[in-house]
Amino acid sequence: MCKPTHVGGNLLDVIATPDSDASLVSHVSTRSVCFSDYSVVSCRLNSSWSALTTVSYQFRHLRRVDRRAFSEDIVASPLYVFTPTTRVDDCVNLFQREMQQLVDLHAPLQTRCRRVGKNECRWLSDEARAAKRRCRRLERRYRRTQAAGDRQAYTAARSTARNAVLRSRAARLTTSNSALPTPPATTPPPGE
């Protein structure tokens, strides 16, 4: 900063960049605002930006299917019309086609996109992943039922998952620290 950023004439704000990236910051300016005795500092950062990676996935809301309407549509479909001359392959094809149409009608396929996070937990052990998965499943069950037994199971699973994650983290730190070179042994100064 070349200009003072406080009305008293003091330089209070600093934009620091490494010498190797001198072109990282440009168009630095200060602007006074009426409600503060500090000036607003603005600048342009010349850095690259990468778009977030997204993944597309498809799903069906099977829990929202009206079972009564679904079973009525099955009964009304040509699946119950049999003739002695119908071949087995034709029956199988008819079954697959009719069931696909009914599932598409009652639980249409939906597509969503989600961002792929950068915080990967590859250091988690298989045990910790399984414990977290079980804990999330039991949490969803407890939130749905609000039953005391489900709450106890969820609380126990949460504790188990936390302990498994801590053990996994400790094992990861132990292995990463064991790869570091050991400092040379120092000899005590004479007289000690």
N, C-alpha and C. Protein backbone atom coordinates (compact mmCIF):
# COMPACT_ATOMS: atom_id res chain seq x y z
N MET A 1 0.85 -1.18 0.00
CA MET A 1 0.00 0.00 0.00
C MET A 1 0.89 1.23 0.00
N CYS A 2 0.53 2.18 -0.80
CA CYS A 2 1.29 3.43 -0.89
C CYS A 2 0.55 4.58 -0.23
N LYS A 3 -0.75 4.44 -0.04
CA LYS A 3 -1.55 5.51 0.54
C LYS A 3 -2.00 5.12 1.94
N PRO A 4 -2.25 6.11 2.80
CA PRO A 4 -2.78 5.77 4.13
C PRO A 4 -4.20 5.20 4.02
N THR A 5 -4.50 4.27 4.92
CA THR A 5 -5.83 3.64 4.90
C THR A 5 -6.68 4.08 6.09
N HIS A 6 -6.18 4.99 6.89
CA HIS A 6 -6.92 5.52 8.03
C HIS A 6 -6.98 7.03 7.91
N VAL A 7 -8.06 7.64 8.39
CA VAL A 7 -8.21 9.09 8.25
C VAL A 7 -7.14 9.84 9.03
N GLY A 8 -6.53 9.19 10.01
CA GLY A 8 -5.46 9.82 10.76
C GLY A 8 -4.14 9.86 10.01
N GLY A 9 -4.11 9.27 8.82
CA GLY A 9 -2.90 9.29 8.01
C GLY A 9 -2.02 8.08 8.19
N ASN A 10 -2.45 7.09 8.93
CA ASN A 10 -1.65 5.89 9.17
C ASN A 10 -1.92 4.82 8.12
N LEU A 11 -0.91 4.06 7.86
CA LEU A 11 -1.03 2.93 6.95
C LEU A 11 -1.34 1.69 7.80
N LEU A 12 -2.61 1.27 7.81
CA LEU A 12 -3.03 0.17 8.68
C LEU A 12 -3.21 -1.15 7.94
N ASP A 13 -3.43 -1.12 6.64
CA ASP A 13 -3.70 -2.34 5.87
C ASP A 13 -2.52 -2.64 4.97
N VAL A 14 -2.19 -3.90 4.87
CA VAL A 14 -1.06 -4.35 4.07
C VAL A 14 -1.53 -5.50 3.20
N ILE A 15 -1.15 -5.48 1.94
CA ILE A 15 -1.37 -6.62 1.05
C ILE A 15 -0.01 -7.22 0.79
N ALA A 16 0.24 -8.41 1.29
CA ALA A 16 1.55 -9.04 1.19
C ALA A 16 1.51 -10.15 0.15
N THR A 17 2.50 -10.16 -0.72
CA THR A 17 2.65 -11.22 -1.71
C THR A 17 4.11 -11.65 -1.72
N PRO A 18 4.38 -12.89 -2.09
CA PRO A 18 5.77 -13.32 -2.17
C PRO A 18 6.46 -12.62 -3.35
N ASP A 19 7.79 -12.47 -3.27
CA ASP A 19 8.55 -11.81 -4.33
C ASP A 19 8.42 -12.56 -5.65
N SER A 20 8.24 -13.88 -5.58
CA SER A 20 8.14 -14.67 -6.81
C SER A 20 6.83 -14.40 -7.55
N ASP A 21 5.80 -13.88 -6.86
CA ASP A 21 4.51 -13.59 -7.48
C ASP A 21 4.22 -12.10 -7.45
N ALA A 22 5.13 -11.30 -7.95
CA ALA A 22 4.95 -9.85 -7.92
C ALA A 22 3.76 -9.42 -8.77
N SER A 23 3.43 -10.18 -9.79
CA SER A 23 2.32 -9.81 -10.66
C SER A 23 0.98 -10.35 -10.16
N LEU A 24 0.96 -10.95 -9.00
CA LEU A 24 -0.28 -11.53 -8.47
C LEU A 24 -1.31 -10.46 -8.15
N VAL A 25 -0.88 -9.31 -7.64
CA VAL A 25 -1.79 -8.24 -7.25
C VAL A 25 -1.56 -7.03 -8.15
N SER A 26 -2.65 -6.46 -8.64
CA SER A 26 -2.56 -5.25 -9.47
C SER A 26 -3.77 -4.37 -9.19
N HIS A 27 -3.76 -3.15 -9.68
CA HIS A 27 -4.86 -2.19 -9.54
C HIS A 27 -5.26 -2.00 -8.07
N VAL A 28 -4.28 -1.75 -7.22
CA VAL A 28 -4.56 -1.52 -5.80
C VAL A 28 -5.05 -0.09 -5.62
N SER A 29 -6.15 0.08 -4.92
CA SER A 29 -6.68 1.42 -4.67
C SER A 29 -7.39 1.46 -3.32
N THR A 30 -7.51 2.66 -2.80
CA THR A 30 -8.25 2.87 -1.56
C THR A 30 -9.38 3.83 -1.83
N ARG A 31 -10.47 3.64 -1.09
CA ARG A 31 -11.64 4.51 -1.27
C ARG A 31 -12.24 4.78 0.10
N SER A 32 -12.51 6.03 0.37
CA SER A 32 -13.09 6.42 1.65
C SER A 32 -14.58 6.10 1.66
N VAL A 33 -15.06 5.63 2.80
CA VAL A 33 -16.49 5.37 2.97
C VAL A 33 -17.00 6.26 4.10
N CYS A 34 -18.23 6.66 4.04
CA CYS A 34 -18.75 7.65 4.97
C CYS A 34 -18.97 7.12 6.38
N PHE A 35 -19.16 5.82 6.57
CA PHE A 35 -19.52 5.30 7.88
C PHE A 35 -18.34 4.77 8.67
N SER A 36 -17.12 4.93 8.17
CA SER A 36 -15.97 4.40 8.88
C SER A 36 -14.79 5.36 8.75
N ASP A 37 -13.87 5.25 9.70
CA ASP A 37 -12.66 6.06 9.59
C ASP A 37 -11.55 5.29 8.87
N TYR A 38 -11.86 4.09 8.39
CA TYR A 38 -10.94 3.30 7.59
C TYR A 38 -11.36 3.38 6.13
N SER A 39 -10.40 3.30 5.25
CA SER A 39 -10.69 3.28 3.82
C SER A 39 -10.83 1.83 3.35
N VAL A 40 -11.61 1.64 2.31
CA VAL A 40 -11.76 0.33 1.71
C VAL A 40 -10.58 0.11 0.77
N VAL A 41 -9.94 -1.03 0.89
CA VAL A 41 -8.82 -1.38 0.01
C VAL A 41 -9.34 -2.37 -1.00
N SER A 42 -9.11 -2.10 -2.27
CA SER A 42 -9.52 -3.04 -3.32
C SER A 42 -8.33 -3.31 -4.21
N CYS A 43 -8.32 -4.48 -4.80
CA CYS A 43 -7.24 -4.85 -5.71
C CYS A 43 -7.75 -5.94 -6.64
N ARG A 44 -6.99 -6.21 -7.66
CA ARG A 44 -7.31 -7.28 -8.60
C ARG A 44 -6.27 -8.38 -8.41
N LEU A 45 -6.76 -9.59 -8.18
CA LEU A 45 -5.88 -10.74 -8.03
C LEU A 45 -5.77 -11.45 -9.37
N ASN A 46 -4.58 -11.59 -9.86
CA ASN A 46 -4.34 -12.26 -11.15
C ASN A 46 -4.04 -13.73 -10.89
N SER A 47 -5.06 -14.46 -10.56
CA SER A 47 -4.89 -15.88 -10.30
C SER A 47 -5.84 -16.67 -11.17
N SER A 48 -5.47 -17.89 -11.40
CA SER A 48 -6.33 -18.73 -12.24
C SER A 48 -7.47 -19.29 -11.40
N TRP A 49 -8.59 -19.51 -12.04
CA TRP A 49 -9.76 -20.06 -11.38
C TRP A 49 -10.22 -21.27 -12.15
N SER A 50 -10.45 -22.33 -11.45
CA SER A 50 -10.93 -23.54 -12.13
C SER A 50 -12.35 -23.82 -11.67
N ALA A 51 -13.17 -24.20 -12.61
CA ALA A 51 -14.57 -24.50 -12.29
C ALA A 51 -14.63 -25.76 -11.43
N LEU A 52 -15.63 -25.82 -10.57
CA LEU A 52 -15.80 -26.98 -9.72
C LEU A 52 -16.20 -28.19 -10.55
N THR A 53 -15.70 -29.33 -10.15
CA THR A 53 -16.04 -30.56 -10.83
C THR A 53 -17.39 -31.04 -10.33
N THR A 54 -18.27 -31.37 -11.26
CA THR A 54 -19.59 -31.87 -10.88
C THR A 54 -19.77 -33.29 -11.41
N VAL A 55 -20.59 -34.02 -10.71
CA VAL A 55 -20.93 -35.39 -11.09
C VAL A 55 -22.44 -35.46 -11.23
N SER A 56 -22.88 -36.08 -12.29
CA SER A 56 -24.31 -36.26 -12.53
C SER A 56 -24.72 -37.65 -12.05
N TYR A 57 -25.88 -37.73 -11.40
CA TYR A 57 -26.38 -39.01 -10.93
C TYR A 57 -27.89 -39.07 -11.12
N GLN A 58 -28.42 -40.26 -11.17
CA GLN A 58 -29.85 -40.47 -11.38
C GLN A 58 -30.42 -41.28 -10.22
N PHE A 59 -31.69 -41.02 -9.92
CA PHE A 59 -32.35 -41.72 -8.82
C PHE A 59 -33.85 -41.71 -9.04
N ARG A 60 -34.53 -42.52 -8.25
CA ARG A 60 -35.99 -42.57 -8.24
C ARG A 60 -36.47 -42.43 -6.80
N HIS A 61 -37.59 -41.71 -6.60
CA HIS A 61 -38.18 -41.58 -5.27
C HIS A 61 -39.11 -42.77 -5.05
N LEU A 62 -38.53 -43.91 -4.69
CA LEU A 62 -39.33 -45.13 -4.53
C LEU A 62 -40.19 -45.08 -3.27
N ARG A 63 -39.78 -44.33 -2.27
CA ARG A 63 -40.58 -44.25 -1.05
C ARG A 63 -41.84 -43.41 -1.24
N ARG A 64 -41.88 -42.61 -2.27
CA ARG A 64 -43.04 -41.75 -2.52
C ARG A 64 -44.08 -42.40 -3.44
N VAL A 65 -43.84 -43.62 -3.84
CA VAL A 65 -44.76 -44.32 -4.74
C VAL A 65 -46.05 -44.65 -3.99
N ASP A 66 -47.18 -44.36 -4.61
CA ASP A 66 -48.48 -44.74 -4.06
C ASP A 66 -48.68 -46.23 -4.35
N ARG A 67 -48.53 -47.05 -3.34
CA ARG A 67 -48.55 -48.50 -3.53
C ARG A 67 -49.88 -49.01 -4.05
N ARG A 68 -50.95 -48.41 -3.58
CA ARG A 68 -52.27 -48.85 -4.03
C ARG A 68 -52.44 -48.58 -5.53
N ALA A 69 -52.10 -47.37 -5.98
CA ALA A 69 -52.22 -47.05 -7.41
C ALA A 69 -51.27 -47.90 -8.24
N PHE A 70 -50.07 -48.17 -7.71
CA PHE A 70 -49.11 -49.00 -8.43
C PHE A 70 -49.65 -50.42 -8.61
N SER A 71 -50.19 -51.01 -7.54
CA SER A 71 -50.72 -52.37 -7.66
C SER A 71 -51.96 -52.42 -8.55
N GLU A 72 -52.80 -51.37 -8.53
CA GLU A 72 -53.96 -51.33 -9.43
C GLU A 72 -53.51 -51.27 -10.89
N ASP A 73 -52.44 -50.51 -11.16
CA ASP A 73 -51.94 -50.45 -12.53
C ASP A 73 -51.33 -51.78 -12.97
N ILE A 74 -50.72 -52.50 -12.05
CA ILE A 74 -50.18 -53.82 -12.40
C ILE A 74 -51.32 -54.78 -12.77
N VAL A 75 -52.39 -54.76 -11.96
CA VAL A 75 -53.52 -55.64 -12.23
C VAL A 75 -54.17 -55.27 -13.57
N ALA A 76 -54.22 -54.00 -13.91
CA ALA A 76 -54.85 -53.55 -15.15
C ALA A 76 -53.96 -53.74 -16.37
N SER A 77 -52.69 -54.06 -16.16
CA SER A 77 -51.76 -54.21 -17.28
C SER A 77 -51.97 -55.55 -17.98
N PRO A 78 -51.41 -55.73 -19.16
CA PRO A 78 -51.57 -57.01 -19.88
C PRO A 78 -50.76 -58.15 -19.30
N LEU A 79 -50.16 -57.98 -18.12
CA LEU A 79 -49.38 -59.05 -17.52
C LEU A 79 -50.24 -60.24 -17.11
N TYR A 80 -51.52 -59.98 -16.85
CA TYR A 80 -52.40 -61.05 -16.39
C TYR A 80 -53.17 -61.70 -17.53
N VAL A 81 -52.84 -61.37 -18.73
CA VAL A 81 -53.51 -62.00 -19.87
C VAL A 81 -52.56 -63.07 -20.42
N PHE A 82 -52.91 -64.33 -20.18
CA PHE A 82 -52.07 -65.43 -20.62
C PHE A 82 -52.82 -66.27 -21.65
N THR A 83 -52.08 -66.73 -22.60
CA THR A 83 -52.63 -67.71 -23.55
C THR A 83 -51.70 -68.91 -23.53
N PRO A 84 -52.23 -70.07 -23.76
CA PRO A 84 -51.38 -71.27 -23.70
C PRO A 84 -50.28 -71.27 -24.77
N THR A 85 -50.44 -70.48 -25.81
CA THR A 85 -49.46 -70.51 -26.89
C THR A 85 -48.36 -69.45 -26.72
N THR A 86 -48.43 -68.64 -25.67
CA THR A 86 -47.42 -67.59 -25.46
C THR A 86 -46.10 -68.22 -25.03
N ARG A 87 -45.04 -67.83 -25.69
CA ARG A 87 -43.72 -68.36 -25.36
C ARG A 87 -43.19 -67.70 -24.10
N VAL A 88 -42.27 -68.39 -23.44
CA VAL A 88 -41.68 -67.89 -22.20
C VAL A 88 -40.90 -66.61 -22.46
N ASP A 89 -40.14 -66.56 -23.54
CA ASP A 89 -39.37 -65.36 -23.86
C ASP A 89 -40.28 -64.15 -24.07
N ASP A 90 -41.43 -64.37 -24.70
CA ASP A 90 -42.37 -63.27 -24.90
C ASP A 90 -42.94 -62.79 -23.57
N CYS A 91 -43.20 -63.72 -22.65
CA CYS A 91 -43.71 -63.34 -21.31
C CYS A 91 -42.67 -62.53 -20.55
N VAL A 92 -41.43 -62.94 -20.64
CA VAL A 92 -40.36 -62.22 -19.94
C VAL A 92 -40.21 -60.82 -20.52
N ASN A 93 -40.22 -60.70 -21.84
CA ASN A 93 -40.11 -59.39 -22.48
C ASN A 93 -41.30 -58.49 -22.12
N LEU A 94 -42.50 -59.08 -22.11
CA LEU A 94 -43.69 -58.32 -21.73
C LEU A 94 -43.59 -57.84 -20.29
N PHE A 95 -43.14 -58.73 -19.39
CA PHE A 95 -42.99 -58.35 -17.99
C PHE A 95 -42.00 -57.20 -17.84
N GLN A 96 -40.84 -57.31 -18.48
CA GLN A 96 -39.82 -56.25 -18.37
C GLN A 96 -40.33 -54.92 -18.93
N ARG A 97 -40.98 -54.97 -20.07
CA ARG A 97 -41.49 -53.74 -20.70
C ARG A 97 -42.57 -53.09 -19.86
N GLU A 98 -43.53 -53.87 -19.38
CA GLU A 98 -44.64 -53.32 -18.59
C GLU A 98 -44.16 -52.79 -17.24
N MET A 99 -43.28 -53.51 -16.58
CA MET A 99 -42.78 -53.04 -15.29
C MET A 99 -41.95 -51.78 -15.45
N GLN A 100 -41.17 -51.70 -16.52
CA GLN A 100 -40.39 -50.48 -16.77
C GLN A 100 -41.31 -49.28 -16.99
N GLN A 101 -42.38 -49.49 -17.74
CA GLN A 101 -43.34 -48.40 -17.99
C GLN A 101 -44.03 -47.97 -16.69
N LEU A 102 -44.41 -48.93 -15.86
CA LEU A 102 -45.09 -48.60 -14.61
C LEU A 102 -44.16 -47.91 -13.61
N VAL A 103 -42.92 -48.37 -13.55
CA VAL A 103 -41.96 -47.72 -12.65
C VAL A 103 -41.67 -46.29 -13.15
N ASP A 104 -41.53 -46.12 -14.46
CA ASP A 104 -41.32 -44.78 -15.01
C ASP A 104 -42.51 -43.87 -14.76
N LEU A 105 -43.70 -44.44 -14.72
CA LEU A 105 -44.91 -43.65 -14.49
C LEU A 105 -45.02 -43.23 -13.02
N HIS A 106 -44.77 -44.16 -12.10
CA HIS A 106 -44.99 -43.89 -10.68
C HIS A 106 -43.75 -43.32 -9.96
N ALA A 107 -42.57 -43.65 -10.45
CA ALA A 107 -41.33 -43.12 -9.86
C ALA A 107 -40.39 -42.75 -10.99
N PRO A 108 -40.64 -41.61 -11.63
CA PRO A 108 -39.82 -41.24 -12.79
C PRO A 108 -38.35 -41.04 -12.41
N LEU A 109 -37.50 -41.37 -13.35
CA LEU A 109 -36.07 -41.22 -13.15
C LEU A 109 -35.71 -39.74 -13.13
N GLN A 110 -35.00 -39.31 -12.10
CA GLN A 110 -34.61 -37.91 -11.97
C GLN A 110 -33.09 -37.81 -12.01
N THR A 111 -32.60 -36.72 -12.57
CA THR A 111 -31.16 -36.49 -12.69
C THR A 111 -30.78 -35.26 -11.89
N ARG A 112 -29.73 -35.36 -11.14
CA ARG A 112 -29.21 -34.25 -10.37
C ARG A 112 -27.70 -34.18 -10.56
N CYS A 113 -27.14 -33.02 -10.27
CA CYS A 113 -25.69 -32.82 -10.29
C CYS A 113 -25.24 -32.40 -8.91
N ARG A 114 -24.08 -32.84 -8.53
CA ARG A 114 -23.51 -32.42 -7.26
C ARG A 114 -22.02 -32.15 -7.46
N ARG A 115 -21.50 -31.28 -6.61
CA ARG A 115 -20.09 -30.96 -6.68
C ARG A 115 -19.26 -32.06 -6.06
N VAL A 116 -18.09 -32.27 -6.59
CA VAL A 116 -17.16 -33.23 -6.03
C VAL A 116 -16.22 -32.46 -5.13
N GLY A 117 -16.21 -32.81 -3.87
CA GLY A 117 -15.38 -32.10 -2.90
C GLY A 117 -13.91 -32.42 -3.05
N LYS A 118 -13.10 -31.50 -2.57
CA LYS A 118 -11.66 -31.69 -2.64
C LYS A 118 -11.10 -32.29 -1.36
N ASN A 119 -11.88 -32.29 -0.31
CA ASN A 119 -11.36 -32.81 0.96
C ASN A 119 -11.59 -34.32 1.01
N GLU A 120 -10.63 -35.03 0.48
CA GLU A 120 -10.71 -36.47 0.46
C GLU A 120 -10.21 -37.04 1.78
N CYS A 121 -10.84 -38.06 2.25
CA CYS A 121 -10.44 -38.69 3.50
C CYS A 121 -9.88 -40.07 3.20
N ARG A 122 -8.84 -40.10 2.41
CA ARG A 122 -8.25 -41.40 2.07
C ARG A 122 -7.55 -42.03 3.27
N TRP A 123 -7.29 -41.24 4.27
CA TRP A 123 -6.63 -41.78 5.44
C TRP A 123 -7.59 -42.55 6.34
N LEU A 124 -8.90 -42.47 6.07
CA LEU A 124 -9.85 -43.21 6.89
C LEU A 124 -9.75 -44.70 6.59
N SER A 125 -9.72 -45.49 7.62
CA SER A 125 -9.66 -46.94 7.44
C SER A 125 -11.03 -47.46 7.01
N ASP A 126 -11.05 -48.68 6.53
CA ASP A 126 -12.32 -49.30 6.12
C ASP A 126 -13.25 -49.43 7.32
N GLU A 127 -12.67 -49.70 8.49
CA GLU A 127 -13.48 -49.81 9.71
C GLU A 127 -14.16 -48.47 10.02
N ALA A 128 -13.41 -47.36 9.90
CA ALA A 128 -13.97 -46.04 10.19
C ALA A 128 -15.04 -45.66 9.18
N ARG A 129 -14.82 -45.98 7.91
CA ARG A 129 -15.84 -45.69 6.89
C ARG A 129 -17.12 -46.45 7.17
N ALA A 130 -16.98 -47.73 7.51
CA ALA A 130 -18.17 -48.55 7.80
C ALA A 130 -18.89 -48.03 9.04
N ALA A 131 -18.14 -47.60 10.05
CA ALA A 131 -18.76 -47.08 11.27
C ALA A 131 -19.49 -45.77 10.99
N LYS A 132 -18.91 -44.90 10.17
CA LYS A 132 -19.58 -43.64 9.82
C LYS A 132 -20.85 -43.91 9.01
N ARG A 133 -20.77 -44.86 8.08
CA ARG A 133 -21.93 -45.21 7.27
C ARG A 133 -23.07 -45.73 8.14
N ARG A 134 -22.73 -46.62 9.08
CA ARG A 134 -23.74 -47.17 9.99
C ARG A 134 -24.33 -46.07 10.87
N CYS A 135 -23.48 -45.15 11.33
CA CYS A 135 -23.96 -44.04 12.17
C CYS A 135 -24.93 -43.15 11.40
N ARG A 136 -24.61 -42.83 10.15
CA ARG A 136 -25.51 -41.99 9.36
C ARG A 136 -26.84 -42.70 9.10
N ARG A 137 -26.78 -44.02 8.85
CA ARG A 137 -28.01 -44.78 8.61
C ARG A 137 -28.89 -44.77 9.86
N LEU A 138 -28.28 -44.98 11.04
CA LEU A 138 -29.04 -44.98 12.28
C LEU A 138 -29.55 -43.58 12.63
N GLU A 139 -28.80 -42.55 12.27
CA GLU A 139 -29.28 -41.18 12.50
C GLU A 139 -30.52 -40.89 11.68
N ARG A 140 -30.49 -41.30 10.41
CA ARG A 140 -31.68 -41.09 9.56
C ARG A 140 -32.88 -41.85 10.11
N ARG A 141 -32.66 -43.07 10.61
CA ARG A 141 -33.76 -43.84 11.17
C ARG A 141 -34.32 -43.15 12.42
N TYR A 142 -33.42 -42.67 13.29
CA TYR A 142 -33.88 -41.99 14.51
C TYR A 142 -34.65 -40.71 14.17
N ARG A 143 -34.16 -39.95 13.21
CA ARG A 143 -34.86 -38.71 12.83
C ARG A 143 -36.24 -39.00 12.24
N ARG A 144 -36.36 -40.16 11.59
CA ARG A 144 -37.64 -40.53 10.99
C ARG A 144 -38.62 -41.05 12.04
N THR A 145 -38.12 -41.86 13.01
CA THR A 145 -39.04 -42.52 13.95
C THR A 145 -39.15 -41.81 15.29
N GLN A 146 -38.09 -41.11 15.71
CA GLN A 146 -38.04 -40.45 17.02
C GLN A 146 -38.24 -41.45 18.17
N ALA A 147 -37.88 -42.71 17.96
CA ALA A 147 -38.04 -43.74 18.99
C ALA A 147 -36.83 -43.74 19.92
N ALA A 148 -37.07 -44.08 21.19
CA ALA A 148 -36.00 -44.07 22.18
C ALA A 148 -34.94 -45.13 21.86
N GLY A 149 -35.37 -46.29 21.39
CA GLY A 149 -34.42 -47.34 21.03
C GLY A 149 -33.53 -46.93 19.86
N ASP A 150 -34.13 -46.25 18.89
CA ASP A 150 -33.34 -45.78 17.75
C ASP A 150 -32.36 -44.70 18.18
N ARG A 151 -32.74 -43.89 19.16
CA ARG A 151 -31.84 -42.85 19.66
C ARG A 151 -30.65 -43.48 20.37
N GLN A 152 -30.90 -44.52 21.17
CA GLN A 152 -29.80 -45.20 21.85
C GLN A 152 -28.85 -45.87 20.86
N ALA A 153 -29.42 -46.50 19.83
CA ALA A 153 -28.57 -47.14 18.82
C ALA A 153 -27.75 -46.10 18.07
N TYR A 154 -28.36 -44.97 17.75
CA TYR A 154 -27.65 -43.90 17.05
C TYR A 154 -26.53 -43.33 17.93
N THR A 155 -26.80 -43.10 19.21
CA THR A 155 -25.79 -42.55 20.12
C THR A 155 -24.61 -43.50 20.25
N ALA A 156 -24.89 -44.80 20.38
CA ALA A 156 -23.81 -45.78 20.48
C ALA A 156 -23.00 -45.84 19.18
N ALA A 157 -23.68 -45.78 18.05
CA ALA A 157 -22.99 -45.83 16.76
C ALA A 157 -22.15 -44.57 16.55
N ARG A 158 -22.65 -43.43 17.04
CA ARG A 158 -21.89 -42.17 16.91
C ARG A 158 -20.60 -42.26 17.70
N SER A 159 -20.67 -42.81 18.89
CA SER A 159 -19.47 -42.96 19.72
C SER A 159 -18.48 -43.93 19.07
N THR A 160 -18.99 -45.03 18.54
CA THR A 160 -18.14 -46.00 17.87
C THR A 160 -17.47 -45.38 16.65
N ALA A 161 -18.22 -44.62 15.87
CA ALA A 161 -17.67 -43.99 14.68
C ALA A 161 -16.60 -42.97 15.05
N ARG A 162 -16.86 -42.17 16.08
CA ARG A 162 -15.87 -41.17 16.51
C ARG A 162 -14.58 -41.86 16.93
N ASN A 163 -14.67 -42.94 17.70
CA ASN A 163 -13.47 -43.66 18.13
C ASN A 163 -12.73 -44.28 16.96
N ALA A 164 -13.47 -44.82 15.99
CA ALA A 164 -12.83 -45.41 14.81
C ALA A 164 -12.11 -44.35 13.99
N VAL A 165 -12.71 -43.17 13.86
CA VAL A 165 -12.06 -42.08 13.12
C VAL A 165 -10.80 -41.62 13.85
N LEU A 166 -10.88 -41.51 15.17
CA LEU A 166 -9.69 -41.09 15.94
C LEU A 166 -8.58 -42.13 15.83
N ARG A 167 -8.91 -43.41 15.88
CA ARG A 167 -7.88 -44.45 15.72
C ARG A 167 -7.27 -44.39 14.33
N SER A 168 -8.11 -44.16 13.32
CA SER A 168 -7.62 -44.08 11.95
C SER A 168 -6.72 -42.87 11.76
N ARG A 169 -7.11 -41.73 12.34
CA ARG A 169 -6.30 -40.52 12.25
C ARG A 169 -4.95 -40.73 12.96
N ALA A 170 -4.97 -41.37 14.13
CA ALA A 170 -3.73 -41.62 14.86
C ALA A 170 -2.81 -42.54 14.06
N ALA A 171 -3.38 -43.55 13.43
CA ALA A 171 -2.57 -44.47 12.62
C ALA A 171 -1.97 -43.73 11.43
N ARG A 172 -2.74 -42.84 10.83
CA ARG A 172 -2.24 -42.07 9.69
C ARG A 172 -1.09 -41.15 10.12
N LEU A 173 -1.24 -40.47 11.26
CA LEU A 173 -0.18 -39.59 11.73
C LEU A 173 1.06 -40.38 12.10
N THR A 174 0.86 -41.55 12.68
CA THR A 174 2.00 -42.39 13.04
C THR A 174 2.78 -42.82 11.81
N THR A 175 2.08 -43.25 10.77
CA THR A 175 2.78 -43.68 9.56
C THR A 175 3.42 -42.51 8.83
N SER A 176 2.77 -41.34 8.81
CA SER A 176 3.37 -40.20 8.11
C SER A 176 4.56 -39.66 8.89
N ASN A 177 4.51 -39.72 10.23
CA ASN A 177 5.64 -39.25 11.02
C ASN A 177 6.80 -40.24 11.00
N SER A 178 6.51 -41.51 10.82
CA SER A 178 7.59 -42.49 10.77
C SER A 178 8.39 -42.35 9.48
N ALA A 179 7.81 -41.72 8.45
CA ALA A 179 8.54 -41.52 7.20
C ALA A 179 9.49 -40.33 7.28
N LEU A 180 9.33 -39.47 8.30
CA LEU A 180 10.21 -38.32 8.46
C LEU A 180 11.57 -38.77 8.95
N PRO A 181 12.61 -38.05 8.53
CA PRO A 181 13.93 -38.43 9.03
C PRO A 181 14.04 -38.08 10.51
N THR A 182 14.74 -38.94 11.24
CA THR A 182 14.89 -38.69 12.67
C THR A 182 16.02 -37.70 12.88
N PRO A 183 15.84 -36.75 13.80
CA PRO A 183 16.91 -35.78 14.04
C PRO A 183 18.12 -36.47 14.66
N PRO A 184 19.29 -35.94 14.38
CA PRO A 184 20.47 -36.58 14.96
C PRO A 184 20.46 -36.44 16.48
N ALA A 185 20.98 -37.45 17.11
CA ALA A 185 21.03 -37.42 18.58
C ALA A 185 22.05 -36.38 19.02
N THR A 186 21.65 -35.58 19.95
CA THR A 186 22.56 -34.57 20.47
C THR A 186 23.20 -35.06 21.75
N THR A 187 24.44 -34.74 21.90
CA THR A 187 25.13 -35.13 23.13
C THR A 187 25.01 -33.99 24.13
N PRO A 188 24.76 -34.30 25.37
CA PRO A 188 24.63 -33.22 26.35
C PRO A 188 25.95 -32.48 26.51
N PRO A 189 25.86 -31.18 26.77
CA PRO A 189 27.11 -30.42 26.98
C PRO A 189 27.85 -30.94 28.21
N PRO A 190 29.14 -30.75 28.21
CA PRO A 190 29.91 -31.23 29.37
C PRO A 190 29.46 -30.54 30.65
N GLY A 191 29.45 -31.27 31.69
CA GLY A 191 29.06 -30.72 32.97
C GLY A 191 27.63 -31.02 33.34
N GLU A 192 26.89 -31.68 32.50
CA GLU A 192 25.50 -32.02 32.82
C GLU A 192 25.36 -33.49 33.05
